[in-house]
């Protein structure tokens, strides 16, 4: 299990920076974390039940709460807060960012959704 040694929320740029003991730093956009929320509301109870998240370009994070010593709960400013991001899941999101982000963009395109540029 890879446990982060630092979590830095950059509210203005809507980035969660995750730092690991080996010095690796990952910058994860709030939108990315929101659309890959591990909650049943997003993931469903099987891959077939997964719900494509749209319109999350401007989502931010209100706060982050620890869940024991194994995870965090992210409270997004759109009201979503039911996903528990285990350290393993957060590490997967960090290390597989490029692949997962491109998969999400392709899924949006297949669904006919045109992503708007996030507000600055």
PDB file of N, CA and C in Angstrom:
ATOM      1  N   UNK A   1       0.854  -1.174   0.000  1.00  0.00           N
ATOM      2  CA  UNK A   1       0.000   0.000   0.000  1.00  0.00           C
ATOM      3  C   UNK A   1       0.902   1.240   0.000  1.00  0.00           C
ATOM      4  N   UNK A   2       0.585   2.181  -0.876  1.00  0.00           N
ATOM      5  CA  UNK A   2       1.315   3.446  -0.951  1.00  0.00           C
ATOM      6  C   UNK A   2       0.511   4.531  -0.244  1.00  0.00           C
ATOM      7  N   UNK A   3       1.023   4.963   0.895  1.00  0.00           N
ATOM      8  CA  UNK A   3       0.350   5.990   1.690  1.00  0.00           C
ATOM      9  C   UNK A   3       0.996   7.340   1.388  1.00  0.00           C
ATOM     10  N   UNK A   4       0.204   8.326   0.987  1.00  0.00           N
ATOM     11  CA  UNK A   4       0.785   9.646   0.731  1.00  0.00           C
ATOM     12  C   UNK A   4       1.354  10.260   2.013  1.00  0.00           C
ATOM     13  N   UNK A   5       2.408  11.047   1.843  1.00  0.00           N
ATOM     14  CA  UNK A   5       2.967  11.769   2.983  1.00  0.00           C
ATOM     15  C   UNK A   5       2.459  13.203   3.017  1.00  0.00           C
ATOM     16  N   UNK A   6       1.870  13.659   1.892  1.00  0.00           N
ATOM     17  CA  UNK A   6       1.304  15.009   1.806  1.00  0.00           C
ATOM     18  C   UNK A   6       0.142  15.028   0.840  1.00  0.00           C
ATOM     19  N   UNK A   7      -0.878  15.780   1.204  1.00  0.00           N
ATOM     20  CA  UNK A   7      -1.983  16.104   0.303  1.00  0.00           C
ATOM     21  C   UNK A   7      -2.110  17.618   0.325  1.00  0.00           C
ATOM     22  N   UNK A   8      -1.957  18.245  -0.822  1.00  0.00           N
ATOM     23  CA  UNK A   8      -2.061  19.705  -0.908  1.00  0.00           C
ATOM     24  C   UNK A   8      -3.167  20.062  -1.882  1.00  0.00           C
ATOM     25  N   UNK A   9      -4.191  20.713  -1.380  1.00  0.00           N
ATOM     26  CA  UNK A   9      -5.294  21.142  -2.224  1.00  0.00           C
ATOM     27  C   UNK A   9      -5.023  22.560  -2.718  1.00  0.00           C
ATOM     28  N   UNK A  10      -4.927  22.698  -4.021  1.00  0.00           N
ATOM     29  CA  UNK A  10      -4.753  24.008  -4.651  1.00  0.00           C
ATOM     30  C   UNK A  10      -6.130  24.430  -5.164  1.00  0.00           C
ATOM     31  N   UNK A  11      -6.835  25.193  -4.371  1.00  0.00           N
ATOM     32  CA  UNK A  11      -8.230  25.537  -4.676  1.00  0.00           C
ATOM     33  C   UNK A  11      -8.386  26.329  -5.968  1.00  0.00           C
ATOM     34  N   UNK A  12      -7.518  27.307  -6.194  1.00  0.00           N
ATOM     35  CA  UNK A  12      -7.662  28.155  -7.371  1.00  0.00           C
ATOM     36  C   UNK A  12      -7.518  27.355  -8.665  1.00  0.00           C
ATOM     37  N   UNK A  13      -6.524  26.504  -8.729  1.00  0.00           N
ATOM     38  CA  UNK A  13      -6.310  25.698  -9.945  1.00  0.00           C
ATOM     39  C   UNK A  13      -7.092  24.387  -9.920  1.00  0.00           C
ATOM     40  N   UNK A  14      -7.795  24.129  -8.813  1.00  0.00           N
ATOM     41  CA  UNK A  14      -8.594  22.915  -8.651  1.00  0.00           C
ATOM     42  C   UNK A  14      -7.751  21.654  -8.903  1.00  0.00           C
ATOM     43  N   UNK A  15      -6.644  21.577  -8.168  1.00  0.00           N
ATOM     44  CA  UNK A  15      -5.720  20.449  -8.265  1.00  0.00           C
ATOM     45  C   UNK A  15      -5.455  19.907  -6.859  1.00  0.00           C
ATOM     46  N   UNK A  16      -5.476  18.587  -6.727  1.00  0.00           N
ATOM     47  CA  UNK A  16      -5.034  17.950  -5.497  1.00  0.00           C
ATOM     48  C   UNK A  16      -3.663  17.366  -5.782  1.00  0.00           C
ATOM     49  N   UNK A  17      -2.673  17.871  -5.073  1.00  0.00           N
ATOM     50  CA  UNK A  17      -1.308  17.372  -5.241  1.00  0.00           C
ATOM     51  C   UNK A  17      -1.077  16.292  -4.187  1.00  0.00           C
ATOM     52  N   UNK A  18      -0.642  15.138  -4.657  1.00  0.00           N
ATOM     53  CA  UNK A  18      -0.407  13.995  -3.785  1.00  0.00           C
ATOM     54  C   UNK A  18       1.085  13.678  -3.828  1.00  0.00           C
ATOM     55  N   UNK A  19       1.710  13.636  -2.658  1.00  0.00           N
ATOM     56  CA  UNK A  19       3.149  13.401  -2.563  1.00  0.00           C
ATOM     57  C   UNK A  19       3.394  12.107  -1.777  1.00  0.00           C
ATOM     58  N   UNK A  20       4.304  11.280  -2.320  1.00  0.00           N
ATOM     59  CA  UNK A  20       4.642  10.012  -1.681  1.00  0.00           C
ATOM     60  C   UNK A  20       6.050  10.059  -1.102  1.00  0.00           C
ATOM     61  N   UNK A  21       6.334   9.124  -0.225  1.00  0.00           N
ATOM     62  CA  UNK A  21       7.605   9.085   0.496  1.00  0.00           C
ATOM     63  C   UNK A  21       8.812   9.052  -0.444  1.00  0.00           C
ATOM     64  N   UNK A  22       8.663   8.424  -1.596  1.00  0.00           N
ATOM     65  CA  UNK A  22       9.788   8.329  -2.543  1.00  0.00           C
ATOM     66  C   UNK A  22      10.001   9.634  -3.322  1.00  0.00           C
ATOM     67  N   UNK A  23       9.200  10.655  -3.020  1.00  0.00           N
ATOM     68  CA  UNK A  23       9.340  11.946  -3.686  1.00  0.00           C
ATOM     69  C   UNK A  23       8.436  12.130  -4.894  1.00  0.00           C
ATOM     70  N   UNK A  24       7.743  11.076  -5.303  1.00  0.00           N
ATOM     71  CA  UNK A  24       6.833  11.194  -6.438  1.00  0.00           C
ATOM     72  C   UNK A  24       5.697  12.154  -6.082  1.00  0.00           C
ATOM     73  N   UNK A  25       5.399  13.068  -7.035  1.00  0.00           N
ATOM     74  CA  UNK A  25       4.314  14.043  -6.866  1.00  0.00           C
ATOM     75  C   UNK A  25       3.354  13.874  -8.029  1.00  0.00           C
ATOM     76  N   UNK A  26       2.091  13.874  -7.713  1.00  0.00           N
ATOM     77  CA  UNK A  26       1.060  13.762  -8.737  1.00  0.00           C
ATOM     78  C   UNK A  26       0.090  14.915  -8.551  1.00  0.00           C
ATOM     79  N   UNK A  27      -0.295  15.527  -9.664  1.00  0.00           N
ATOM     80  CA  UNK A  27      -1.263  16.623  -9.632  1.00  0.00           C
ATOM     81  C   UNK A  27      -2.544  16.133 -10.278  1.00  0.00           C
ATOM     82  N   UNK A  28      -3.564  15.931  -9.453  1.00  0.00           N
ATOM     83  CA  UNK A  28      -4.826  15.348  -9.904  1.00  0.00           C
ATOM     84  C   UNK A  28      -5.915  16.411  -9.925  1.00  0.00           C
ATOM     85  N   UNK A  29      -6.459  16.701 -11.098  1.00  0.00           N
ATOM     86  CA  UNK A  29      -7.542  17.682 -11.189  1.00  0.00           C
ATOM     87  C   UNK A  29      -8.781  17.224 -10.401  1.00  0.00           C
ATOM     88  N   UNK A  30      -9.460  18.172  -9.803  1.00  0.00           N
ATOM     89  CA  UNK A  30     -10.683  17.860  -9.061  1.00  0.00           C
ATOM     90  C   UNK A  30     -11.700  17.168  -9.963  1.00  0.00           C
ATOM     91  N   UNK A  31     -11.829  17.643 -11.194  1.00  0.00           N
ATOM     92  CA  UNK A  31     -12.763  17.015 -12.135  1.00  0.00           C
ATOM     93  C   UNK A  31     -12.452  15.534 -12.288  1.00  0.00           C
ATOM     94  N   UNK A  32     -11.190  15.188 -12.457  1.00  0.00           N
ATOM     95  CA  UNK A  32     -10.758  13.793 -12.618  1.00  0.00           C
ATOM     96  C   UNK A  32     -11.132  12.973 -11.381  1.00  0.00           C
ATOM     97  N   UNK A  33     -10.837  13.512 -10.199  1.00  0.00           N
ATOM     98  CA  UNK A  33     -11.181  12.801  -8.966  1.00  0.00           C
ATOM     99  C   UNK A  33     -12.689  12.616  -8.841  1.00  0.00           C
ATOM    100  N   UNK A  34     -13.438  13.619  -9.260  1.00  0.00           N
ATOM    101  CA  UNK A  34     -14.909  13.540  -9.166  1.00  0.00           C
ATOM    102  C   UNK A  34     -15.475  12.504 -10.120  1.00  0.00           C
ATOM    103  N   UNK A  35     -15.013  12.487 -11.371  1.00  0.00           N
ATOM    104  CA  UNK A  35     -15.602  11.561 -12.348  1.00  0.00           C
ATOM    105  C   UNK A  35     -15.161  10.120 -12.103  1.00  0.00           C
ATOM    106  N   UNK A  36     -14.078   9.938 -11.364  1.00  0.00           N
ATOM    107  CA  UNK A  36     -13.633   8.590 -10.988  1.00  0.00           C
ATOM    108  C   UNK A  36     -13.894   8.311  -9.513  1.00  0.00           C
ATOM    109  N   UNK A  37     -14.868   8.991  -8.927  1.00  0.00           N
ATOM    110  CA  UNK A  37     -15.230   8.728  -7.542  1.00  0.00           C
ATOM    111  C   UNK A  37     -15.512   7.238  -7.362  1.00  0.00           C
ATOM    112  N   UNK A  38     -15.003   6.657  -6.278  1.00  0.00           N
ATOM    113  CA  UNK A  38     -15.260   5.243  -6.038  1.00  0.00           C
ATOM    114  C   UNK A  38     -16.650   4.951  -5.471  1.00  0.00           C
ATOM    115  N   UNK A  39     -17.504   5.955  -5.380  1.00  0.00           N
ATOM    116  CA  UNK A  39     -18.837   5.765  -4.799  1.00  0.00           C
ATOM    117  C   UNK A  39     -19.708   4.865  -5.666  1.00  0.00           C
ATOM    118  N   UNK A  40     -20.660   4.209  -5.044  1.00  0.00           N
ATOM    119  CA  UNK A  40     -21.620   3.381  -5.780  1.00  0.00           C
ATOM    120  C   UNK A  40     -22.463   4.252  -6.704  1.00  0.00           C
ATOM    121  N   UNK A  41     -22.684   5.501  -6.332  1.00  0.00           N
ATOM    122  CA  UNK A  41     -23.449   6.437  -7.157  1.00  0.00           C
ATOM    123  C   UNK A  41     -22.794   6.620  -8.531  1.00  0.00           C
ATOM    124  N   UNK A  42     -21.467   6.580  -8.577  1.00  0.00           N
ATOM    125  CA  UNK A  42     -20.723   6.743  -9.825  1.00  0.00           C
ATOM    126  C   UNK A  42     -20.363   5.389 -10.421  1.00  0.00           C
ATOM    127  N   UNK A  43     -19.790   4.512  -9.615  1.00  0.00           N
ATOM    128  CA  UNK A  43     -19.286   3.230 -10.111  1.00  0.00           C
ATOM    129  C   UNK A  43     -20.355   2.157 -10.261  1.00  0.00           C
ATOM    130  N   UNK A  44     -21.487   2.352  -9.602  1.00  0.00           N
ATOM    131  CA  UNK A  44     -22.489   1.297  -9.597  1.00  0.00           C
ATOM    132  C   UNK A  44     -21.977   0.120  -8.782  1.00  0.00           C
ATOM    133  N   UNK A  45     -22.643  -1.022  -8.939  1.00  0.00           N
ATOM    134  CA  UNK A  45     -22.223  -2.221  -8.215  1.00  0.00           C
ATOM    135  C   UNK A  45     -21.545  -3.209  -9.140  1.00  0.00           C
ATOM    136  N   UNK A  46     -21.401  -2.816 -10.401  1.00  0.00           N
ATOM    137  CA  UNK A  46     -20.685  -3.616 -11.399  1.00  0.00           C
ATOM    138  C   UNK A  46     -20.268  -2.657 -12.511  1.00  0.00           C
ATOM    139  N   UNK A  47     -19.306  -3.046 -13.347  1.00  0.00           N
ATOM    140  CA  UNK A  47     -18.873  -2.152 -14.434  1.00  0.00           C
ATOM    141  C   UNK A  47     -20.020  -1.719 -15.355  1.00  0.00           C
ATOM    142  N   UNK A  48     -21.002  -2.577 -15.540  1.00  0.00           N
ATOM    143  CA  UNK A  48     -22.138  -2.236 -16.410  1.00  0.00           C
ATOM    144  C   UNK A  48     -23.012  -1.137 -15.823  1.00  0.00           C
ATOM    145  N   UNK A  49     -22.955  -0.963 -14.510  1.00  0.00           N
ATOM    146  CA  UNK A  49     -23.793   0.039 -13.838  1.00  0.00           C
ATOM    147  C   UNK A  49     -23.099   1.392 -13.685  1.00  0.00           C
ATOM    148  N   UNK A  50     -21.847   1.478 -14.119  1.00  0.00           N
ATOM    149  CA  UNK A  50     -21.097   2.736 -13.974  1.00  0.00           C
ATOM    150  C   UNK A  50     -21.855   3.874 -14.657  1.00  0.00           C
ATOM    151  N   UNK A  51     -21.915   5.032 -13.999  1.00  0.00           N
ATOM    152  CA  UNK A  51     -22.651   6.187 -14.516  1.00  0.00           C
ATOM    153  C   UNK A  51     -21.645   7.235 -15.012  1.00  0.00           C
ATOM    154  N   UNK A  52     -21.701   7.549 -16.293  1.00  0.00           N
ATOM    155  CA  UNK A  52     -20.823   8.559 -16.869  1.00  0.00           C
ATOM    156  C   UNK A  52     -21.147   9.913 -16.245  1.00  0.00           C
ATOM    157  N   UNK A  53     -20.129  10.570 -15.725  1.00  0.00           N
ATOM    158  CA  UNK A  53     -20.290  11.875 -15.088  1.00  0.00           C
ATOM    159  C   UNK A  53     -20.024  12.964 -16.122  1.00  0.00           C
ATOM    160  N   UNK A  54     -20.966  13.859 -16.297  1.00  0.00           N
ATOM    161  CA  UNK A  54     -20.805  14.964 -17.249  1.00  0.00           C
ATOM    162  C   UNK A  54     -21.011  16.294 -16.532  1.00  0.00           C
ATOM    163  N   UNK A  55     -20.461  17.353 -17.114  1.00  0.00           N
ATOM    164  CA  UNK A  55     -20.658  18.685 -16.548  1.00  0.00           C
ATOM    165  C   UNK A  55     -19.865  18.937 -15.280  1.00  0.00           C
ATOM    166  N   UNK A  56     -18.759  18.251 -15.111  1.00  0.00           N
ATOM    167  CA  UNK A  56     -17.964  18.394 -13.878  1.00  0.00           C
ATOM    168  C   UNK A  56     -16.690  19.217 -14.093  1.00  0.00           C
ATOM    169  N   UNK A  57     -16.623  19.944 -15.208  1.00  0.00           N
ATOM    170  CA  UNK A  57     -15.418  20.702 -15.552  1.00  0.00           C
ATOM    171  C   UNK A  57     -15.020  21.716 -14.484  1.00  0.00           C
ATOM    172  N   UNK A  58     -15.980  22.309 -13.802  1.00  0.00           N
ATOM    173  CA  UNK A  58     -15.702  23.361 -12.815  1.00  0.00           C
ATOM    174  C   UNK A  58     -15.812  22.890 -11.370  1.00  0.00           C
ATOM    175  N   UNK A  59     -15.903  21.585 -11.155  1.00  0.00           N
ATOM    176  CA  UNK A  59     -16.063  21.094  -9.789  1.00  0.00           C
ATOM    177  C   UNK A  59     -14.791  21.366  -8.983  1.00  0.00           C
ATOM    178  N   UNK A  60     -15.001  21.668  -7.726  1.00  0.00           N
ATOM    179  CA  UNK A  60     -13.893  21.878  -6.807  1.00  0.00           C
ATOM    180  C   UNK A  60     -14.064  20.998  -5.588  1.00  0.00           C
ATOM    181  N   UNK A  61     -13.112  21.096  -4.687  1.00  0.00           N
ATOM    182  CA  UNK A  61     -13.160  20.334  -3.444  1.00  0.00           C
ATOM    183  C   UNK A  61     -13.360  21.313  -2.294  1.00  0.00           C
ATOM    184  N   UNK A  62     -14.389  21.047  -1.482  1.00  0.00           N
ATOM    185  CA  UNK A  62     -14.633  21.866  -0.286  1.00  0.00           C
ATOM    186  C   UNK A  62     -13.707  21.457   0.848  1.00  0.00           C
ATOM    187  N   UNK A  63     -13.633  20.141   1.084  1.00  0.00           N
ATOM    188  CA  UNK A  63     -12.763  19.664   2.158  1.00  0.00           C
ATOM    189  C   UNK A  63     -12.449  18.176   1.960  1.00  0.00           C
ATOM    190  N   UNK A  64     -11.417  17.758   2.670  1.00  0.00           N
ATOM    191  CA  UNK A  64     -10.970  16.367   2.621  1.00  0.00           C
ATOM    192  C   UNK A  64     -10.898  15.874   4.057  1.00  0.00           C
ATOM    193  N   UNK A  65     -11.528  14.736   4.323  1.00  0.00           N
ATOM    194  CA  UNK A  65     -11.526  14.171   5.673  1.00  0.00           C
ATOM    195  C   UNK A  65     -10.835  12.823   5.678  1.00  0.00           C
ATOM    196  N   UNK A  66     -10.019  12.552   6.688  1.00  0.00           N
ATOM    197  CA  UNK A  66      -9.421  11.219   6.793  1.00  0.00           C
ATOM    198  C   UNK A  66     -10.492  10.190   7.145  1.00  0.00           C
ATOM    199  N   UNK A  67     -10.300   8.982   6.654  1.00  0.00           N
ATOM    200  CA  UNK A  67     -11.148   7.848   7.012  1.00  0.00           C
ATOM    201  C   UNK A  67     -10.201   6.806   7.611  1.00  0.00           C
ATOM    202  N   UNK A  68     -10.179   6.734   8.919  1.00  0.00           N
ATOM    203  CA  UNK A  68      -9.219   5.853   9.589  1.00  0.00           C
ATOM    204  C   UNK A  68      -7.806   6.186   9.144  1.00  0.00           C
ATOM    205  N   UNK A  69      -7.000   5.140   8.979  1.00  0.00           N
ATOM    206  CA  UNK A  69      -5.625   5.303   8.510  1.00  0.00           C
ATOM    207  C   UNK A  69      -5.471   4.757   7.099  1.00  0.00           C
ATOM    208  N   UNK A  70      -6.591   4.569   6.399  1.00  0.00           N
ATOM    209  CA  UNK A  70      -6.525   3.876   5.115  1.00  0.00           C
ATOM    210  C   UNK A  70      -7.122   4.641   3.942  1.00  0.00           C
ATOM    211  N   UNK A  71      -7.727   5.810   4.165  1.00  0.00           N
ATOM    212  CA  UNK A  71      -8.448   6.460   3.070  1.00  0.00           C
ATOM    213  C   UNK A  71      -8.778   7.905   3.413  1.00  0.00           C
ATOM    214  N   UNK A  72      -9.357   8.569   2.407  1.00  0.00           N
ATOM    215  CA  UNK A  72      -9.904   9.914   2.603  1.00  0.00           C
ATOM    216  C   UNK A  72     -11.297   9.957   1.979  1.00  0.00           C
ATOM    217  N   UNK A  73     -12.097  10.864   2.488  1.00  0.00           N
ATOM    218  CA  UNK A  73     -13.394  11.171   1.896  1.00  0.00           C
ATOM    219  C   UNK A  73     -13.282  12.597   1.359  1.00  0.00           C
ATOM    220  N   UNK A  74     -13.550  12.743   0.063  1.00  0.00           N
ATOM    221  CA  UNK A  74     -13.465  14.059  -0.568  1.00  0.00           C
ATOM    222  C   UNK A  74     -14.868  14.644  -0.668  1.00  0.00           C
ATOM    223  N   UNK A  75     -15.034  15.845  -0.150  1.00  0.00           N
ATOM    224  CA  UNK A  75     -16.302  16.564  -0.235  1.00  0.00           C
ATOM    225  C   UNK A  75     -16.184  17.578  -1.384  1.00  0.00           C
ATOM    226  N   UNK A  76     -16.877  17.294  -2.473  1.00  0.00           N
ATOM    227  CA  UNK A  76     -16.843  18.164  -3.641  1.00  0.00           C
ATOM    228  C   UNK A  76     -17.871  19.276  -3.499  1.00  0.00           C
ATOM    229  N   UNK A  77     -17.632  20.383  -4.190  1.00  0.00           N
ATOM    230  CA  UNK A  77     -18.547  21.524  -4.062  1.00  0.00           C
ATOM    231  C   UNK A  77     -19.855  21.350  -4.828  1.00  0.00           C
ATOM    232  N   UNK A  78     -20.022  20.222  -5.529  1.00  0.00           N
ATOM    233  CA  UNK A  78     -21.315  19.940  -6.160  1.00  0.00           C
ATOM    234  C   UNK A  78     -22.194  19.079  -5.245  1.00  0.00           C
ATOM    235  N   UNK A  79     -21.731  18.872  -4.000  1.00  0.00           N
ATOM    236  CA  UNK A  79     -22.507  18.120  -3.017  1.00  0.00           C
ATOM    237  C   UNK A  79     -22.125  16.653  -2.924  1.00  0.00           C
ATOM    238  N   UNK A  80     -21.331  16.149  -3.846  1.00  0.00           N
ATOM    239  CA  UNK A  80     -20.950  14.731  -3.820  1.00  0.00           C
ATOM    240  C   UNK A  80     -19.908  14.503  -2.736  1.00  0.00           C
ATOM    241  N   UNK A  81     -20.159  13.495  -1.881  1.00  0.00           N
ATOM    242  CA  UNK A  81     -19.198  13.193  -0.818  1.00  0.00           C
ATOM    243  C   UNK A  81     -19.280  11.754  -0.338  1.00  0.00           C
ATOM    244  N   UNK A  82     -19.756  10.860  -1.200  1.00  0.00           N
ATOM    245  CA  UNK A  82     -19.955   9.482  -0.758  1.00  0.00           C
ATOM    246  C   UNK A  82     -18.841   8.533  -1.173  1.00  0.00           C
ATOM    247  N   UNK A  83     -17.824   9.032  -1.866  1.00  0.00           N
ATOM    248  CA  UNK A  83     -16.731   8.151  -2.276  1.00  0.00           C
ATOM    249  C   UNK A  83     -15.640   8.091  -1.228  1.00  0.00           C
ATOM    250  N   UNK A  84     -15.200   6.886  -0.896  1.00  0.00           N
ATOM    251  CA  UNK A  84     -14.084   6.692   0.021  1.00  0.00           C
ATOM    252  C   UNK A  84     -12.875   6.305  -0.837  1.00  0.00           C
ATOM    253  N   UNK A  85     -11.910   7.211  -0.892  1.00  0.00           N
ATOM    254  CA  UNK A  85     -10.704   7.016  -1.706  1.00  0.00           C
ATOM    255  C   UNK A  85      -9.646   6.313  -0.846  1.00  0.00           C
ATOM    256  N   UNK A  86      -9.554   4.997  -0.965  1.00  0.00           N
ATOM    257  CA  UNK A  86      -8.524   4.272  -0.225  1.00  0.00           C
ATOM    258  C   UNK A  86      -7.160   4.708  -0.740  1.00  0.00           C
ATOM    259  N   UNK A  87      -6.125   4.481   0.062  1.00  0.00           N
ATOM    260  CA  UNK A  87      -4.778   4.847  -0.392  1.00  0.00           C
ATOM    261  C   UNK A  87      -4.420   4.109  -1.668  1.00  0.00           C
ATOM    262  N   UNK A  88      -4.826   2.853  -1.784  1.00  0.00           N
ATOM    263  CA  UNK A  88      -4.535   2.086  -3.001  1.00  0.00           C
ATOM    264  C   UNK A  88      -5.255   2.675  -4.209  1.00  0.00           C
ATOM    265  N   UNK A  89      -6.524   3.056  -4.034  1.00  0.00           N
ATOM    266  CA  UNK A  89      -7.282   3.625  -5.153  1.00  0.00           C
ATOM    267  C   UNK A  89      -6.711   4.983  -5.562  1.00  0.00           C
ATOM    268  N   UNK A  90      -6.343   5.801  -4.590  1.00  0.00           N
ATOM    269  CA  UNK A  90      -5.758   7.102  -4.897  1.00  0.00           C
ATOM    270  C   UNK A  90      -4.434   6.926  -5.654  1.00  0.00           C
ATOM    271  N   UNK A  91      -3.643   5.940  -5.245  1.00  0.00           N
ATOM    272  CA  UNK A  91      -2.378   5.668  -5.933  1.00  0.00           C
ATOM    273  C   UNK A  91      -2.637   5.208  -7.372  1.00  0.00           C
ATOM    274  N   UNK A  92      -3.648   4.378  -7.551  1.00  0.00           N
ATOM    275  CA  UNK A  92      -4.017   3.934  -8.904  1.00  0.00           C
ATOM    276  C   UNK A  92      -4.423   5.142  -9.756  1.00  0.00           C
ATOM    277  N   UNK A  93      -5.261   6.025  -9.202  1.00  0.00           N
ATOM    278  CA  UNK A  93      -5.668   7.222  -9.946  1.00  0.00           C
ATOM    279  C   UNK A  93      -4.460   8.084 -10.298  1.00  0.00           C
ATOM    280  N   UNK A  94      -3.506   8.166  -9.385  1.00  0.00           N
ATOM    281  CA  UNK A  94      -2.318   8.985  -9.622  1.00  0.00           C
ATOM    282  C   UNK A  94      -1.429   8.377 -10.705  1.00  0.00           C
ATOM    283  N   UNK A  95      -1.125   7.104 -10.576  1.00  0.00           N
ATOM    284  CA  UNK A  95      -0.168   6.471 -11.488  1.00  0.00           C
ATOM    285  C   UNK A  95      -0.766   6.150 -12.846  1.00  0.00           C
ATOM    286  N   UNK A  96      -2.072   6.051 -12.929  1.00  0.00           N
ATOM    287  CA  UNK A  96      -2.723   5.717 -14.204  1.00  0.00           C
ATOM    288  C   UNK A  96      -3.490   6.910 -14.780  1.00  0.00           C
ATOM    289  N   UNK A  97      -3.134   8.109 -14.332  1.00  0.00           N
ATOM    290  CA  UNK A  97      -3.862   9.312 -14.730  1.00  0.00           C
ATOM    291  C   UNK A  97      -4.031   9.440 -16.246  1.00  0.00           C
ATOM    292  N   UNK A  98      -2.947   9.410 -16.992  1.00  0.00           N
ATOM    293  CA  UNK A  98      -3.033   9.646 -18.450  1.00  0.00           C
ATOM    294  C   UNK A  98      -3.991   8.672 -19.117  1.00  0.00           C
ATOM    295  N   UNK A  99      -3.842   7.407 -18.816  1.00  0.00           N
ATOM    296  CA  UNK A  99      -4.690   6.371 -19.426  1.00  0.00           C
ATOM    297  C   UNK A  99      -6.156   6.546 -19.023  1.00  0.00           C
ATOM    298  N   UNK A 100      -6.405   6.744 -17.728  1.00  0.00           N
ATOM    299  CA  UNK A 100      -7.788   6.878 -17.254  1.00  0.00           C
ATOM    300  C   UNK A 100      -8.433   8.164 -17.774  1.00  0.00           C
ATOM    301  N   UNK A 101      -7.675   9.257 -17.824  1.00  0.00           N
ATOM    302  CA  UNK A 101      -8.227  10.522 -18.307  1.00  0.00           C
ATOM    303  C   UNK A 101      -8.604  10.399 -19.781  1.00  0.00           C
ATOM    304  N   UNK A 102      -7.742   9.800 -20.584  1.00  0.00           N
ATOM    305  CA  UNK A 102      -8.034   9.620 -22.006  1.00  0.00           C
ATOM    306  C   UNK A 102      -9.245   8.706 -22.194  1.00  0.00           C
ATOM    307  N   UNK A 103      -9.377   7.690 -21.365  1.00  0.00           N
ATOM    308  CA  UNK A 103     -10.537   6.792 -21.435  1.00  0.00           C
ATOM    309  C   UNK A 103     -11.821   7.562 -21.127  1.00  0.00           C
ATOM    310  N   UNK A 104     -11.760   8.450 -20.132  1.00  0.00           N
ATOM    311  CA  UNK A 104     -12.920   9.265 -19.777  1.00  0.00           C
ATOM    312  C   UNK A 104     -13.300  10.195 -20.934  1.00  0.00           C
ATOM    313  N   UNK A 105     -12.306  10.866 -21.526  1.00  0.00           N
ATOM    314  CA  UNK A 105     -12.584  11.764 -22.651  1.00  0.00           C
ATOM    315  C   UNK A 105     -13.187  11.010 -23.829  1.00  0.00           C
ATOM    316  N   UNK A 106     -12.704   9.804 -24.081  1.00  0.00           N
ATOM    317  CA  UNK A 106     -13.254   8.984 -25.165  1.00  0.00           C
ATOM    318  C   UNK A 106     -14.691   8.578 -24.849  1.00  0.00           C
ATOM    319  N   UNK A 107     -14.955   8.274 -23.601  1.00  0.00           N
ATOM    320  CA  UNK A 107     -16.315   7.906 -23.184  1.00  0.00           C
ATOM    321  C   UNK A 107     -17.270   9.084 -23.367  1.00  0.00           C
ATOM    322  N   UNK A 108     -16.821  10.276 -23.018  1.00  0.00           N
ATOM    323  CA  UNK A 108     -17.640  11.479 -23.228  1.00  0.00           C
ATOM    324  C   UNK A 108     -17.947  11.668 -24.716  1.00  0.00           C
ATOM    325  N   UNK A 109     -16.930  11.484 -25.536  1.00  0.00           N
ATOM    326  CA  UNK A 109     -17.111  11.664 -26.981  1.00  0.00           C
ATOM    327  C   UNK A 109     -18.117  10.648 -27.530  1.00  0.00           C
ATOM    328  N   UNK A 110     -17.995   9.388 -27.112  1.00  0.00           N
ATOM    329  CA  UNK A 110     -18.944   8.357 -27.562  1.00  0.00           C
ATOM    330  C   UNK A 110     -20.369   8.697 -27.138  1.00  0.00           C
ATOM    331  N   UNK A 111     -20.503   9.355 -25.987  1.00  0.00           N
ATOM    332  CA  UNK A 111     -21.826   9.723 -25.474  1.00  0.00           C
ATOM    333  C   UNK A 111     -22.352  10.995 -26.132  1.00  0.00           C
ATOM    334  N   UNK A 112     -21.509  11.644 -26.958  1.00  0.00           N
ATOM    335  CA  UNK A 112     -21.940  12.858 -27.639  1.00  0.00           C
ATOM    336  C   UNK A 112     -21.862  14.104 -26.771  1.00  0.00           C
ATOM    337  N   UNK A 113     -21.117  14.034 -25.671  1.00  0.00           N
ATOM    338  CA  UNK A 113     -21.004  15.186 -24.780  1.00  0.00           C
ATOM    339  C   UNK A 113     -19.804  16.024 -25.195  1.00  0.00           C
ATOM    340  N   UNK A 114     -20.024  17.304 -25.381  1.00  0.00           N
ATOM    341  CA  UNK A 114     -18.922  18.225 -25.698  1.00  0.00           C
ATOM    342  C   UNK A 114     -18.501  18.911 -24.407  1.00  0.00           C
ATOM    343  N   UNK A 115     -17.292  18.593 -23.985  1.00  0.00           N
ATOM    344  CA  UNK A 115     -16.741  19.146 -22.756  1.00  0.00           C
ATOM    345  C   UNK A 115     -16.440  20.618 -22.919  1.00  0.00           C
ATOM    346  N   UNK A 116     -16.861  21.435 -21.941  1.00  0.00           N
ATOM    347  CA  UNK A 116     -16.542  22.858 -22.009  1.00  0.00           C
ATOM    348  C   UNK A 116     -15.227  23.109 -21.269  1.00  0.00           C
ATOM    349  N   UNK A 117     -14.549  24.166 -21.651  1.00  0.00           N
ATOM    350  CA  UNK A 117     -13.312  24.523 -20.967  1.00  0.00           C
ATOM    351  C   UNK A 117     -13.646  24.972 -19.558  1.00  0.00           C
ATOM    352  N   UNK A 118     -12.905  24.474 -18.552  1.00  0.00           N
ATOM    353  CA  UNK A 118     -13.171  24.920 -17.189  1.00  0.00           C
ATOM    354  C   UNK A 118     -12.939  26.414 -17.028  1.00  0.00           C
ATOM    355  N   UNK A 119     -13.684  27.025 -16.140  1.00  0.00           N
ATOM    356  CA  UNK A 119     -13.514  28.453 -15.851  1.00  0.00           C
ATOM    357  C   UNK A 119     -12.172  28.655 -15.169  1.00  0.00           C
ATOM    358  N   UNK A 120     -11.567  29.805 -15.396  1.00  0.00           N
ATOM    359  CA  UNK A 120     -10.276  30.066 -14.729  1.00  0.00           C
ATOM    360  C   UNK A 120     -10.510  30.765 -13.413  1.00  0.00           C
TER     361      UNK A 120
END
